[in-house]
Amino acid sequence: MRFIDELYQLYRGHFSRDEEDIIAIVAGILQEQSRDDLYRLIDEMDDEELFQMIATYMIEVVKRKVAMDAELPSATVH
């Protein structure tokens, strides 16, 4: 994706192997984008990029739900 390539080149020296740095930079950039900007980014994606984006999102959401369920006390069945 061209946007990611440009973002990476622009911030290349700021990225480290620390995931938190990457998350902070990407989240900051995305927060500056309007809804229309985000739709344009999605529209520029090819089918594989779109699939990867949605799959990654869905996997992360399910992982969070599983983690939250694991934190809840188990309901006892009588």
C-alpha atoms as a PDB file:
ATOM      1  CA  MET A   1       0.000   0.000   0.000  1.00  0.00           C
ATOM      2  CA  ARG A   2       1.467   3.292  -1.086  1.00  0.00           C
ATOM      3  CA  PHE A   3       0.298   5.146   2.058  1.00  0.00           C
ATOM      4  CA  ILE A   4       2.112   2.693   4.327  1.00  0.00           C
ATOM      5  CA  ASP A   5       5.236   2.825   2.164  1.00  0.00           C
ATOM      6  CA  GLU A   6       5.247   6.633   2.371  1.00  0.00           C
ATOM      7  CA  LEU A   7       4.527   6.563   6.116  1.00  0.00           C
ATOM      8  CA  TYR A   8       7.368   4.114   6.675  1.00  0.00           C
ATOM      9  CA  GLN A   9       9.827   6.197   4.676  1.00  0.00           C
ATOM     10  CA  LEU A  10       8.810   9.364   6.502  1.00  0.00           C
ATOM     11  CA  TYR A  11       9.091   7.850   9.993  1.00  0.00           C
ATOM     12  CA  ARG A  12      11.722   5.199   9.302  1.00  0.00           C
ATOM     13  CA  GLY A  13      14.178   6.643  11.807  1.00  0.00           C
ATOM     14  CA  HIS A  14      11.504   6.870  14.488  1.00  0.00           C
ATOM     15  CA  PHE A  15      10.348   3.262  14.359  1.00  0.00           C
ATOM     16  CA  SER A  16      11.977   0.784  16.674  1.00  0.00           C
ATOM     17  CA  ARG A  17      11.274  -2.855  17.291  1.00  0.00           C
ATOM     18  CA  ASP A  18       9.093  -1.733  20.178  1.00  0.00           C
ATOM     19  CA  GLU A  19       5.494  -2.345  19.148  1.00  0.00           C
ATOM     20  CA  GLU A  20       4.303   0.535  21.332  1.00  0.00           C
ATOM     21  CA  ASP A  21       6.321   3.035  19.252  1.00  0.00           C
ATOM     22  CA  ILE A  22       4.783   1.742  16.042  1.00  0.00           C
ATOM     23  CA  ILE A  23       1.273   1.811  17.524  1.00  0.00           C
ATOM     24  CA  ALA A  24       1.728   5.380  18.787  1.00  0.00           C
ATOM     25  CA  ILE A  25       2.972   6.691  15.443  1.00  0.00           C
ATOM     26  CA  VAL A  26       0.364   4.896  13.335  1.00  0.00           C
ATOM     27  CA  ALA A  27      -2.490   5.805  15.686  1.00  0.00           C
ATOM     28  CA  GLY A  28      -1.367   9.439  15.696  1.00  0.00           C
ATOM     29  CA  ILE A  29      -1.306   9.572  11.907  1.00  0.00           C
ATOM     30  CA  LEU A  30      -4.703   7.881  11.596  1.00  0.00           C
ATOM     31  CA  GLN A  31      -6.290  10.264  14.106  1.00  0.00           C
ATOM     32  CA  GLU A  32      -5.346  13.148  11.826  1.00  0.00           C
ATOM     33  CA  GLN A  33      -7.246  11.591   8.906  1.00  0.00           C
ATOM     34  CA  SER A  34     -10.878  12.325   8.148  1.00  0.00           C
ATOM     35  CA  ARG A  35     -13.379   9.567   7.475  1.00  0.00           C
ATOM     36  CA  ASP A  36     -13.177  10.423   3.760  1.00  0.00           C
ATOM     37  CA  ASP A  37      -9.371  10.145   3.903  1.00  0.00           C
ATOM     38  CA  LEU A  38      -9.686   6.687   5.415  1.00  0.00           C
ATOM     39  CA  TYR A  39     -12.198   5.638   2.770  1.00  0.00           C
ATOM     40  CA  ARG A  40      -9.761   6.808   0.078  1.00  0.00           C
ATOM     41  CA  LEU A  41      -7.016   4.667   1.635  1.00  0.00           C
ATOM     42  CA  ILE A  42      -9.295   1.648   1.626  1.00  0.00           C
ATOM     43  CA  ASP A  43     -10.372   2.349  -1.945  1.00  0.00           C
ATOM     44  CA  GLU A  44      -6.697   2.305  -3.034  1.00  0.00           C
ATOM     45  CA  MET A  45      -6.159  -1.166  -1.573  1.00  0.00           C
ATOM     46  CA  ASP A  46      -6.063  -4.222  -3.758  1.00  0.00           C
ATOM     47  CA  ASP A  47      -8.145  -7.246  -2.768  1.00  0.00           C
ATOM     48  CA  GLU A  48      -5.322  -8.902  -0.822  1.00  0.00           C
ATOM     49  CA  GLU A  49      -4.575  -5.748   1.201  1.00  0.00           C
ATOM     50  CA  LEU A  50      -8.256  -5.309   2.013  1.00  0.00           C
ATOM     51  CA  PHE A  51      -8.526  -8.952   3.077  1.00  0.00           C
ATOM     52  CA  GLN A  52      -5.419  -8.653   5.282  1.00  0.00           C
ATOM     53  CA  MET A  53      -6.689  -5.464   6.901  1.00  0.00           C
ATOM     54  CA  ILE A  54     -10.084  -6.906   7.745  1.00  0.00           C
ATOM     55  CA  ALA A  55      -8.668 -10.269   8.833  1.00  0.00           C
ATOM     56  CA  THR A  56      -6.127  -8.571  11.115  1.00  0.00           C
ATOM     57  CA  TYR A  57      -8.821  -6.383  12.639  1.00  0.00           C
ATOM     58  CA  MET A  58     -11.183  -9.300  13.224  1.00  0.00           C
ATOM     59  CA  ILE A  59      -8.443 -11.484  14.721  1.00  0.00           C
ATOM     60  CA  GLU A  60      -7.427  -8.719  17.149  1.00  0.00           C
ATOM     61  CA  VAL A  61     -11.034  -8.086  18.223  1.00  0.00           C
ATOM     62  CA  VAL A  62     -11.656 -11.796  18.850  1.00  0.00           C
ATOM     63  CA  LYS A  63      -8.370 -12.066  20.793  1.00  0.00           C
ATOM     64  CA  ARG A  64      -9.458  -9.147  23.018  1.00  0.00           C
ATOM     65  CA  LYS A  65     -12.849 -10.760  23.615  1.00  0.00           C
ATOM     66  CA  VAL A  66     -11.213 -14.073  24.557  1.00  0.00           C
ATOM     67  CA  ALA A  67      -8.838 -12.243  26.917  1.00  0.00           C
ATOM     68  CA  MET A  68     -11.741 -10.368  28.539  1.00  0.00           C
ATOM     69  CA  ASP A  69     -13.697 -13.609  28.978  1.00  0.00           C
ATOM     70  CA  ALA A  70     -10.656 -15.203  30.605  1.00  0.00           C
ATOM     71  CA  GLU A  71     -10.557 -12.358  33.137  1.00  0.00           C
ATOM     72  CA  LEU A  72     -14.190 -12.799  34.184  1.00  0.00           C
ATOM     73  CA  PRO A  73     -14.897 -15.102  37.060  1.00  0.00           C
ATOM     74  CA  SER A  74     -16.408 -18.351  35.865  1.00  0.00           C
ATOM     75  CA  ALA A  75     -20.129 -18.654  36.385  1.00  0.00           C
ATOM     76  CA  THR A  76     -20.910 -21.604  38.551  1.00  0.00           C
ATOM     77  CA  VAL A  77     -23.582 -23.964  37.312  1.00  0.00           C
ATOM     78  CA  HIS A  78     -25.712 -25.764  39.898  1.00  0.00           C
END
